[in-house]
ModelCIF file with pLDDT and N, C-alpha, C, O atoms, coordinates in Angstrom:
data_MODEL
#
_entry.id   MODEL 
#
_entity.id                         1 
_entity.type                       polymer 
_entity.pdbx_number_of_molecules   1 
#
_entity_poly.entity_id                      1 
_entity_poly.type                           'polypeptide(L)' 
_entity_poly.nstd_linkage                   no 
_entity_poly.nstd_monomer                   no 
_entity_poly.pdbx_seq_one_letter_code       PINYQKYFTKLSLAVWYMDDGNIYKSRNVKISADCFDST 
_entity_poly.pdbx_seq_one_letter_code_can   PINYQKYFTKLSLAVWYMDDGNIYKSRNVKISADCFDST 
_entity_poly.pdbx_strand_id                 A 
#
loop_
_entity_poly_seq.entity_id 
_entity_poly_seq.num 
_entity_poly_seq.mon_id 
_entity_poly_seq.hetero 
1 1  PRO n 
1 2  ILE n 
1 3  ASN n 
1 4  TYR n 
1 5  GLN n 
1 6  LYS n 
1 7  TYR n 
1 8  PHE n 
1 9  THR n 
1 10 LYS n 
1 11 LEU n 
1 12 SER n 
1 13 LEU n 
1 14 ALA n 
1 15 VAL n 
1 16 TRP n 
1 17 TYR n 
1 18 MET n 
1 19 ASP n 
1 20 ASP n 
1 21 GLY n 
1 22 ASN n 
1 23 ILE n 
1 24 TYR n 
1 25 LYS n 
1 26 SER n 
1 27 ARG n 
1 28 ASN n 
1 29 VAL n 
1 30 LYS n 
1 31 ILE n 
1 32 SER n 
1 33 ALA n 
1 34 ASP n 
1 35 CYS n 
1 36 PHE n 
1 37 ASP n 
1 38 SER n 
1 39 THR n 
#
_struct_asym.id          A 
_struct_asym.entity_id   1 
#
loop_
_ma_qa_metric.id 
_ma_qa_metric.mode 
_ma_qa_metric.name 
_ma_qa_metric.software_group_id 
_ma_qa_metric.type 
1 global pLDDT . pLDDT 
2 local  pLDDT . pLDDT 
#
_ma_qa_metric_global.metric_id      1 
_ma_qa_metric_global.metric_value   93.03 
_ma_qa_metric_global.model_id       1 
_ma_qa_metric_global.ordinal_id     1 
#
loop_
_ma_qa_metric_local.label_asym_id 
_ma_qa_metric_local.label_comp_id 
_ma_qa_metric_local.label_seq_id 
_ma_qa_metric_local.metric_id 
_ma_qa_metric_local.metric_value 
_ma_qa_metric_local.model_id 
_ma_qa_metric_local.ordinal_id 
A PRO 1  2 92.00 1 1  
A ILE 2  2 89.00 1 2  
A ASN 3  2 90.00 1 3  
A TYR 4  2 93.00 1 4  
A GLN 5  2 93.00 1 5  
A LYS 6  2 93.00 1 6  
A TYR 7  2 96.00 1 7  
A PHE 8  2 97.00 1 8  
A THR 9  2 97.00 1 9  
A LYS 10 2 97.00 1 10 
A LEU 11 2 98.00 1 11 
A SER 12 2 97.00 1 12 
A LEU 13 2 98.00 1 13 
A ALA 14 2 98.00 1 14 
A VAL 15 2 98.00 1 15 
A TRP 16 2 97.00 1 16 
A TYR 17 2 97.00 1 17 
A MET 18 2 97.00 1 18 
A ASP 19 2 96.00 1 19 
A ASP 20 2 94.00 1 20 
A GLY 21 2 95.00 1 21 
A ASN 22 2 94.00 1 22 
A ILE 23 2 94.00 1 23 
A TYR 24 2 87.00 1 24 
A LYS 25 2 77.00 1 25 
A SER 26 2 73.00 1 26 
A ARG 27 2 82.00 1 27 
A ASN 28 2 91.00 1 28 
A VAL 29 2 96.00 1 29 
A LYS 30 2 97.00 1 30 
A ILE 31 2 97.00 1 31 
A SER 32 2 95.00 1 32 
A ALA 33 2 94.00 1 33 
A ASP 34 2 91.00 1 34 
A CYS 35 2 90.00 1 35 
A PHE 36 2 93.00 1 36 
A ASP 37 2 91.00 1 37 
A SER 38 2 91.00 1 38 
A THR 39 2 93.00 1 39 
#
loop_
_atom_site.group_PDB 
_atom_site.id 
_atom_site.type_symbol 
_atom_site.label_atom_id 
_atom_site.label_alt_id 
_atom_site.label_comp_id 
_atom_site.label_asym_id 
_atom_site.label_entity_id 
_atom_site.label_seq_id 
_atom_site.pdbx_PDB_ins_code 
_atom_site.Cartn_x 
_atom_site.Cartn_y 
_atom_site.Cartn_z 
_atom_site.occupancy 
_atom_site.B_iso_or_equiv 
_atom_site.pdbx_formal_charge 
_atom_site.auth_seq_id 
_atom_site.auth_comp_id 
_atom_site.auth_asym_id 
_atom_site.auth_atom_id 
_atom_site.pdbx_PDB_model_num 
ATOM 1   N N  . PRO A 1 1  ? 0.834  -1.209  0.000   1.00 92.00 ? 1  PRO A N  1 
ATOM 2   C CA . PRO A 1 1  ? 0.000  0.000   0.000   1.00 92.00 ? 1  PRO A CA 1 
ATOM 3   C C  . PRO A 1 1  ? 0.863  1.252   0.000   1.00 92.00 ? 1  PRO A C  1 
ATOM 4   O O  . PRO A 1 1  ? 1.738  1.406   0.853   1.00 92.00 ? 1  PRO A O  1 
ATOM 5   N N  . ILE A 1 2  ? 0.628  2.127   -0.932  1.00 89.00 ? 2  ILE A N  1 
ATOM 6   C CA . ILE A 1 2  ? 1.471  3.310   -1.126  1.00 89.00 ? 2  ILE A CA 1 
ATOM 7   C C  . ILE A 1 2  ? 1.499  4.209   0.106   1.00 89.00 ? 2  ILE A C  1 
ATOM 8   O O  . ILE A 1 2  ? 2.489  4.901   0.340   1.00 89.00 ? 2  ILE A O  1 
ATOM 9   N N  . ASN A 1 3  ? 0.411  4.207   0.907   1.00 90.00 ? 3  ASN A N  1 
ATOM 10  C CA . ASN A 1 3  ? 0.375  5.089   2.076   1.00 90.00 ? 3  ASN A CA 1 
ATOM 11  C C  . ASN A 1 3  ? 1.295  4.629   3.201   1.00 90.00 ? 3  ASN A C  1 
ATOM 12  O O  . ASN A 1 3  ? 1.393  5.307   4.224   1.00 90.00 ? 3  ASN A O  1 
ATOM 13  N N  . TYR A 1 4  ? 1.975  3.487   3.037   1.00 93.00 ? 4  TYR A N  1 
ATOM 14  C CA . TYR A 1 4  ? 2.936  3.036   4.040   1.00 93.00 ? 4  TYR A CA 1 
ATOM 15  C C  . TYR A 1 4  ? 4.379  3.327   3.638   1.00 93.00 ? 4  TYR A C  1 
ATOM 16  O O  . TYR A 1 4  ? 5.313  2.852   4.284   1.00 93.00 ? 4  TYR A O  1 
ATOM 17  N N  . GLN A 1 5  ? 4.560  4.105   2.573   1.00 93.00 ? 5  GLN A N  1 
ATOM 18  C CA . GLN A 1 5  ? 5.922  4.365   2.116   1.00 93.00 ? 5  GLN A CA 1 
ATOM 19  C C  . GLN A 1 5  ? 6.724  5.194   3.118   1.00 93.00 ? 5  GLN A C  1 
ATOM 20  O O  . GLN A 1 5  ? 7.954  5.149   3.100   1.00 93.00 ? 5  GLN A O  1 
ATOM 21  N N  . LYS A 1 6  ? 6.056  5.949   3.989   1.00 93.00 ? 6  LYS A N  1 
ATOM 22  C CA . LYS A 1 6  ? 6.819  6.723   4.982   1.00 93.00 ? 6  LYS A CA 1 
ATOM 23  C C  . LYS A 1 6  ? 7.528  5.813   5.981   1.00 93.00 ? 6  LYS A C  1 
ATOM 24  O O  . LYS A 1 6  ? 8.500  6.225   6.614   1.00 93.00 ? 6  LYS A O  1 
ATOM 25  N N  . TYR A 1 7  ? 7.046  4.578   6.125   1.00 96.00 ? 7  TYR A N  1 
ATOM 26  C CA . TYR A 1 7  ? 7.692  3.619   7.016   1.00 96.00 ? 7  TYR A CA 1 
ATOM 27  C C  . TYR A 1 7  ? 8.737  2.770   6.278   1.00 96.00 ? 7  TYR A C  1 
ATOM 28  O O  . TYR A 1 7  ? 9.362  1.886   6.864   1.00 96.00 ? 7  TYR A O  1 
ATOM 29  N N  . PHE A 1 8  ? 8.910  3.055   4.989   1.00 97.00 ? 8  PHE A N  1 
ATOM 30  C CA . PHE A 1 8  ? 9.934  2.370   4.200   1.00 97.00 ? 8  PHE A CA 1 
ATOM 31  C C  . PHE A 1 8  ? 11.246 3.114   4.418   1.00 97.00 ? 8  PHE A C  1 
ATOM 32  O O  . PHE A 1 8  ? 11.603 4.012   3.655   1.00 97.00 ? 8  PHE A O  1 
ATOM 33  N N  . THR A 1 9  ? 11.952 2.727   5.469   1.00 97.00 ? 9  THR A N  1 
ATOM 34  C CA . THR A 1 9  ? 13.159 3.415   5.917   1.00 97.00 ? 9  THR A CA 1 
ATOM 35  C C  . THR A 1 9  ? 14.370 2.494   5.770   1.00 97.00 ? 9  THR A C  1 
ATOM 36  O O  . THR A 1 9  ? 14.253 1.362   5.302   1.00 97.00 ? 9  THR A O  1 
ATOM 37  N N  . LYS A 1 10 ? 15.510 2.991   6.172   1.00 97.00 ? 10 LYS A N  1 
ATOM 38  C CA . LYS A 1 10 ? 16.712 2.152   6.152   1.00 97.00 ? 10 LYS A CA 1 
ATOM 39  C C  . LYS A 1 10 ? 16.520 0.912   7.014   1.00 97.00 ? 10 LYS A C  1 
ATOM 40  O O  . LYS A 1 10 ? 16.957 -0.178  6.644   1.00 97.00 ? 10 LYS A O  1 
ATOM 41  N N  . LEU A 1 11 ? 15.871 1.072   8.157   1.00 98.00 ? 11 LEU A N  1 
ATOM 42  C CA . LEU A 1 11 ? 15.615 -0.062  9.034   1.00 98.00 ? 11 LEU A CA 1 
ATOM 43  C C  . LEU A 1 11 ? 14.692 -1.083  8.369   1.00 98.00 ? 11 LEU A C  1 
ATOM 44  O O  . LEU A 1 11 ? 14.986 -2.278  8.374   1.00 98.00 ? 11 LEU A O  1 
ATOM 45  N N  . SER A 1 12 ? 13.585 -0.623  7.801   1.00 97.00 ? 12 SER A N  1 
ATOM 46  C CA . SER A 1 12 ? 12.653 -1.573  7.164   1.00 97.00 ? 12 SER A CA 1 
ATOM 47  C C  . SER A 1 12 ? 13.307 -2.248  5.964   1.00 97.00 ? 12 SER A C  1 
ATOM 48  O O  . SER A 1 12 ? 13.053 -3.422  5.696   1.00 97.00 ? 12 SER A O  1 
ATOM 49  N N  . LEU A 1 13 ? 14.146 -1.510  5.243   1.00 98.00 ? 13 LEU A N  1 
ATOM 50  C CA . LEU A 1 13 ? 14.872 -2.102  4.118   1.00 98.00 ? 13 LEU A CA 1 
ATOM 51  C C  . LEU A 1 13 ? 15.799 -3.214  4.609   1.00 98.00 ? 13 LEU A C  1 
ATOM 52  O O  . LEU A 1 13 ? 15.879 -4.279  3.996   1.00 98.00 ? 13 LEU A O  1 
ATOM 53  N N  . ALA A 1 14 ? 16.498 -2.961  5.720   1.00 98.00 ? 14 ALA A N  1 
ATOM 54  C CA . ALA A 1 14 ? 17.412 -3.973  6.276   1.00 98.00 ? 14 ALA A CA 1 
ATOM 55  C C  . ALA A 1 14 ? 16.643 -5.208  6.743   1.00 98.00 ? 14 ALA A C  1 
ATOM 56  O O  . ALA A 1 14 ? 17.096 -6.334  6.534   1.00 98.00 ? 14 ALA A O  1 
ATOM 57  N N  . VAL A 1 15 ? 15.486 -5.006  7.372   1.00 98.00 ? 15 VAL A N  1 
ATOM 58  C CA . VAL A 1 15 ? 14.674 -6.141  7.832   1.00 98.00 ? 15 VAL A CA 1 
ATOM 59  C C  . VAL A 1 15 ? 14.177 -6.941  6.640   1.00 98.00 ? 15 VAL A C  1 
ATOM 60  O O  . VAL A 1 15 ? 14.229 -8.171  6.651   1.00 98.00 ? 15 VAL A O  1 
ATOM 61  N N  . TRP A 1 16 ? 13.701 -6.257  5.619   1.00 97.00 ? 16 TRP A N  1 
ATOM 62  C CA . TRP A 1 16 ? 13.252 -6.943  4.397   1.00 97.00 ? 16 TRP A CA 1 
ATOM 63  C C  . TRP A 1 16 ? 14.398 -7.774  3.809   1.00 97.00 ? 16 TRP A C  1 
ATOM 64  O O  . TRP A 1 16 ? 14.203 -8.918  3.397   1.00 97.00 ? 16 TRP A O  1 
ATOM 65  N N  . TYR A 1 17 ? 15.593 -7.178  3.778   1.00 97.00 ? 17 TYR A N  1 
ATOM 66  C CA . TYR A 1 17 ? 16.753 -7.894  3.236   1.00 97.00 ? 17 TYR A CA 1 
ATOM 67  C C  . TYR A 1 17 ? 17.120 -9.097  4.107   1.00 97.00 ? 17 TYR A C  1 
ATOM 68  O O  . TYR A 1 17 ? 17.421 -10.169 3.584   1.00 97.00 ? 17 TYR A O  1 
ATOM 69  N N  . MET A 1 18 ? 17.098 -8.926  5.437   1.00 97.00 ? 18 MET A N  1 
ATOM 70  C CA . MET A 1 18 ? 17.415 -10.061 6.319   1.00 97.00 ? 18 MET A CA 1 
ATOM 71  C C  . MET A 1 18 ? 16.387 -11.178 6.145   1.00 97.00 ? 18 MET A C  1 
ATOM 72  O O  . MET A 1 18 ? 16.737 -12.358 6.168   1.00 97.00 ? 18 MET A O  1 
ATOM 73  N N  . ASP A 1 19 ? 15.134 -10.809 5.972   1.00 96.00 ? 19 ASP A N  1 
ATOM 74  C CA . ASP A 1 19 ? 14.066 -11.804 5.789   1.00 96.00 ? 19 ASP A CA 1 
ATOM 75  C C  . ASP A 1 19 ? 14.179 -12.523 4.450   1.00 96.00 ? 19 ASP A C  1 
ATOM 76  O O  . ASP A 1 19 ? 14.129 -13.752 4.394   1.00 96.00 ? 19 ASP A O  1 
ATOM 77  N N  . ASP A 1 20 ? 14.331 -11.761 3.382   1.00 94.00 ? 20 ASP A N  1 
ATOM 78  C CA . ASP A 1 20 ? 14.126 -12.326 2.044   1.00 94.00 ? 20 ASP A CA 1 
ATOM 79  C C  . ASP A 1 20 ? 15.197 -11.973 1.024   1.00 94.00 ? 20 ASP A C  1 
ATOM 80  O O  . ASP A 1 20 ? 14.965 -12.094 -0.179  1.00 94.00 ? 20 ASP A O  1 
ATOM 81  N N  . GLY A 1 21 ? 16.364 -11.538 1.483   1.00 95.00 ? 21 GLY A N  1 
ATOM 82  C CA . GLY A 1 21 ? 17.418 -11.170 0.553   1.00 95.00 ? 21 GLY A CA 1 
ATOM 83  C C  . GLY A 1 21 ? 18.596 -12.115 0.606   1.00 95.00 ? 21 GLY A C  1 
ATOM 84  O O  . GLY A 1 21 ? 18.734 -12.906 1.539   1.00 95.00 ? 21 GLY A O  1 
ATOM 85  N N  . ASN A 1 22 ? 19.442 -12.026 -0.401  1.00 94.00 ? 22 ASN A N  1 
ATOM 86  C CA . ASN A 1 22 ? 20.672 -12.813 -0.399  1.00 94.00 ? 22 ASN A CA 1 
ATOM 87  C C  . ASN A 1 22 ? 21.739 -12.110 -1.226  1.00 94.00 ? 22 ASN A C  1 
ATOM 88  O O  . ASN A 1 22 ? 21.451 -11.249 -2.057  1.00 94.00 ? 22 ASN A O  1 
ATOM 89  N N  . ILE A 1 23 ? 22.962 -12.505 -0.973  1.00 94.00 ? 23 ILE A N  1 
ATOM 90  C CA . ILE A 1 23 ? 24.106 -11.950 -1.707  1.00 94.00 ? 23 ILE A CA 1 
ATOM 91  C C  . ILE A 1 23 ? 24.930 -13.119 -2.236  1.00 94.00 ? 23 ILE A C  1 
ATOM 92  O O  . ILE A 1 23 ? 25.098 -14.138 -1.567  1.00 94.00 ? 23 ILE A O  1 
ATOM 93  N N  . TYR A 1 24 ? 25.436 -12.945 -3.453  1.00 87.00 ? 24 TYR A N  1 
ATOM 94  C CA . TYR A 1 24 ? 26.240 -13.997 -4.080  1.00 87.00 ? 24 TYR A CA 1 
ATOM 95  C C  . TYR A 1 24 ? 27.544 -13.396 -4.569  1.00 87.00 ? 24 TYR A C  1 
ATOM 96  O O  . TYR A 1 24 ? 27.543 -12.462 -5.371  1.00 87.00 ? 24 TYR A O  1 
ATOM 97  N N  . LYS A 1 25 ? 28.643 -13.927 -4.091  1.00 77.00 ? 25 LYS A N  1 
ATOM 98  C CA . LYS A 1 25 ? 29.986 -13.464 -4.484  1.00 77.00 ? 25 LYS A CA 1 
ATOM 99  C C  . LYS A 1 25 ? 30.172 -11.958 -4.294  1.00 77.00 ? 25 LYS A C  1 
ATOM 100 O O  . LYS A 1 25 ? 30.834 -11.303 -5.099  1.00 77.00 ? 25 LYS A O  1 
ATOM 101 N N  . SER A 1 26 ? 29.589 -11.418 -3.235  1.00 73.00 ? 26 SER A N  1 
ATOM 102 C CA . SER A 1 26 ? 29.752 -10.018 -2.820  1.00 73.00 ? 26 SER A CA 1 
ATOM 103 C C  . SER A 1 26 ? 29.244 -8.992  -3.828  1.00 73.00 ? 26 SER A C  1 
ATOM 104 O O  . SER A 1 26 ? 29.386 -7.792  -3.592  1.00 73.00 ? 26 SER A O  1 
ATOM 105 N N  . ARG A 1 27 ? 28.666 -9.416  -4.924  1.00 82.00 ? 27 ARG A N  1 
ATOM 106 C CA . ARG A 1 27 ? 28.255 -8.446  -5.943  1.00 82.00 ? 27 ARG A CA 1 
ATOM 107 C C  . ARG A 1 27 ? 26.799 -8.593  -6.372  1.00 82.00 ? 27 ARG A C  1 
ATOM 108 O O  . ARG A 1 27 ? 26.188 -7.619  -6.812  1.00 82.00 ? 27 ARG A O  1 
ATOM 109 N N  . ASN A 1 28 ? 26.251 -9.753  -6.255  1.00 91.00 ? 28 ASN A N  1 
ATOM 110 C CA . ASN A 1 28 ? 24.911 -10.008 -6.779  1.00 91.00 ? 28 ASN A CA 1 
ATOM 111 C C  . ASN A 1 28 ? 23.927 -10.043 -5.608  1.00 91.00 ? 28 ASN A C  1 
ATOM 112 O O  . ASN A 1 28 ? 23.829 -11.046 -4.901  1.00 91.00 ? 28 ASN A O  1 
ATOM 113 N N  . VAL A 1 29 ? 23.199 -8.938  -5.409  1.00 96.00 ? 29 VAL A N  1 
ATOM 114 C CA . VAL A 1 29 ? 22.260 -8.814  -4.297  1.00 96.00 ? 29 VAL A CA 1 
ATOM 115 C C  . VAL A 1 29 ? 20.837 -8.838  -4.840  1.00 96.00 ? 29 VAL A C  1 
ATOM 116 O O  . VAL A 1 29 ? 20.480 -8.079  -5.741  1.00 96.00 ? 29 VAL A O  1 
ATOM 117 N N  . LYS A 1 30 ? 20.030 -9.737  -4.264  1.00 97.00 ? 30 LYS A N  1 
ATOM 118 C CA . LYS A 1 30 ? 18.630 -9.844  -4.676  1.00 97.00 ? 30 LYS A CA 1 
ATOM 119 C C  . LYS A 1 30 ? 17.743 -9.888  -3.446  1.00 97.00 ? 30 LYS A C  1 
ATOM 120 O O  . LYS A 1 30 ? 18.129 -10.412 -2.400  1.00 97.00 ? 30 LYS A O  1 
ATOM 121 N N  . ILE A 1 31 ? 16.536 -9.324  -3.589  1.00 97.00 ? 31 ILE A N  1 
ATOM 122 C CA . ILE A 1 31 ? 15.532 -9.399  -2.531  1.00 97.00 ? 31 ILE A CA 1 
ATOM 123 C C  . ILE A 1 31 ? 14.248 -9.927  -3.166  1.00 97.00 ? 31 ILE A C  1 
ATOM 124 O O  . ILE A 1 31 ? 13.811 -9.444  -4.210  1.00 97.00 ? 31 ILE A O  1 
ATOM 125 N N  . SER A 1 32 ? 13.667 -10.904 -2.530  1.00 95.00 ? 32 SER A N  1 
ATOM 126 C CA . SER A 1 32 ? 12.452 -11.508 -3.074  1.00 95.00 ? 32 SER A CA 1 
ATOM 127 C C  . SER A 1 32 ? 11.268 -10.551 -2.943  1.00 95.00 ? 32 SER A C  1 
ATOM 128 O O  . SER A 1 32 ? 11.027 -9.975  -1.882  1.00 95.00 ? 32 SER A O  1 
ATOM 129 N N  . ALA A 1 33 ? 10.545 -10.398 -4.036  1.00 94.00 ? 33 ALA A N  1 
ATOM 130 C CA . ALA A 1 33 ? 9.306  -9.609  -4.044  1.00 94.00 ? 33 ALA A CA 1 
ATOM 131 C C  . ALA A 1 33 ? 8.244  -10.345 -4.852  1.00 94.00 ? 33 ALA A C  1 
ATOM 132 O O  . ALA A 1 33 ? 7.260  -9.751  -5.292  1.00 94.00 ? 33 ALA A O  1 
ATOM 133 N N  . ASP A 1 34 ? 8.457  -11.654 -5.044  1.00 91.00 ? 34 ASP A N  1 
ATOM 134 C CA . ASP A 1 34 ? 7.563  -12.423 -5.912  1.00 91.00 ? 34 ASP A CA 1 
ATOM 135 C C  . ASP A 1 34 ? 6.172  -12.614 -5.324  1.00 91.00 ? 34 ASP A C  1 
ATOM 136 O O  . ASP A 1 34 ? 5.253  -13.010 -6.041  1.00 91.00 ? 34 ASP A O  1 
ATOM 137 N N  . CYS A 1 35 ? 5.996  -12.337 -4.015  1.00 90.00 ? 35 CYS A N  1 
ATOM 138 C CA . CYS A 1 35 ? 4.659  -12.452 -3.427  1.00 90.00 ? 35 CYS A CA 1 
ATOM 139 C C  . CYS A 1 35 ? 3.801  -11.228 -3.748  1.00 90.00 ? 35 CYS A C  1 
ATOM 140 O O  . CYS A 1 35 ? 2.601  -11.222 -3.470  1.00 90.00 ? 35 CYS A O  1 
ATOM 141 N N  . PHE A 1 36 ? 4.407  -10.196 -4.328  1.00 93.00 ? 36 PHE A N  1 
ATOM 142 C CA . PHE A 1 36 ? 3.682  -8.971  -4.657  1.00 93.00 ? 36 PHE A CA 1 
ATOM 143 C C  . PHE A 1 36 ? 3.291  -8.938  -6.132  1.00 93.00 ? 36 PHE A C  1 
ATOM 144 O O  . PHE A 1 36 ? 3.892  -9.615  -6.967  1.00 93.00 ? 36 PHE A O  1 
ATOM 145 N N  . ASP A 1 37 ? 2.273  -8.137  -6.432  1.00 91.00 ? 37 ASP A N  1 
ATOM 146 C CA . ASP A 1 37 ? 1.880  -7.953  -7.830  1.00 91.00 ? 37 ASP A CA 1 
ATOM 147 C C  . ASP A 1 37 ? 2.896  -7.039  -8.521  1.00 91.00 ? 37 ASP A C  1 
ATOM 148 O O  . ASP A 1 37 ? 3.739  -6.428  -7.864  1.00 91.00 ? 37 ASP A O  1 
ATOM 149 N N  . SER A 1 38 ? 2.808  -6.952  -9.849  1.00 91.00 ? 38 SER A N  1 
ATOM 150 C CA . SER A 1 38 ? 3.808  -6.193  -10.612 1.00 91.00 ? 38 SER A CA 1 
ATOM 151 C C  . SER A 1 38 ? 3.778  -4.707  -10.269 1.00 91.00 ? 38 SER A C  1 
ATOM 152 O O  . SER A 1 38 ? 4.821  -4.053  -10.275 1.00 91.00 ? 38 SER A O  1 
ATOM 153 N N  . THR A 1 39 ? 2.601  -4.166  -9.972  1.00 93.00 ? 39 THR A N  1 
ATOM 154 C CA . THR A 1 39 ? 2.505  -2.748  -9.599  1.00 93.00 ? 39 THR A CA 1 
ATOM 155 C C  . THR A 1 39 ? 3.280  -2.490  -8.318  1.00 93.00 ? 39 THR A C  1 
ATOM 156 O O  . THR A 1 39 ? 3.321  -1.356  -7.839  1.00 93.00 ? 39 THR A O  1 
#
């Protein structure tokens, strides 16, 4: 929901990454967002 973007902070980004992100060979960083629609 767009009205929650004010809570999209460095902390929330780090939590999202800890939950659903990964790094490969120190250069390839991905975070899963496949549970969300394309918008």
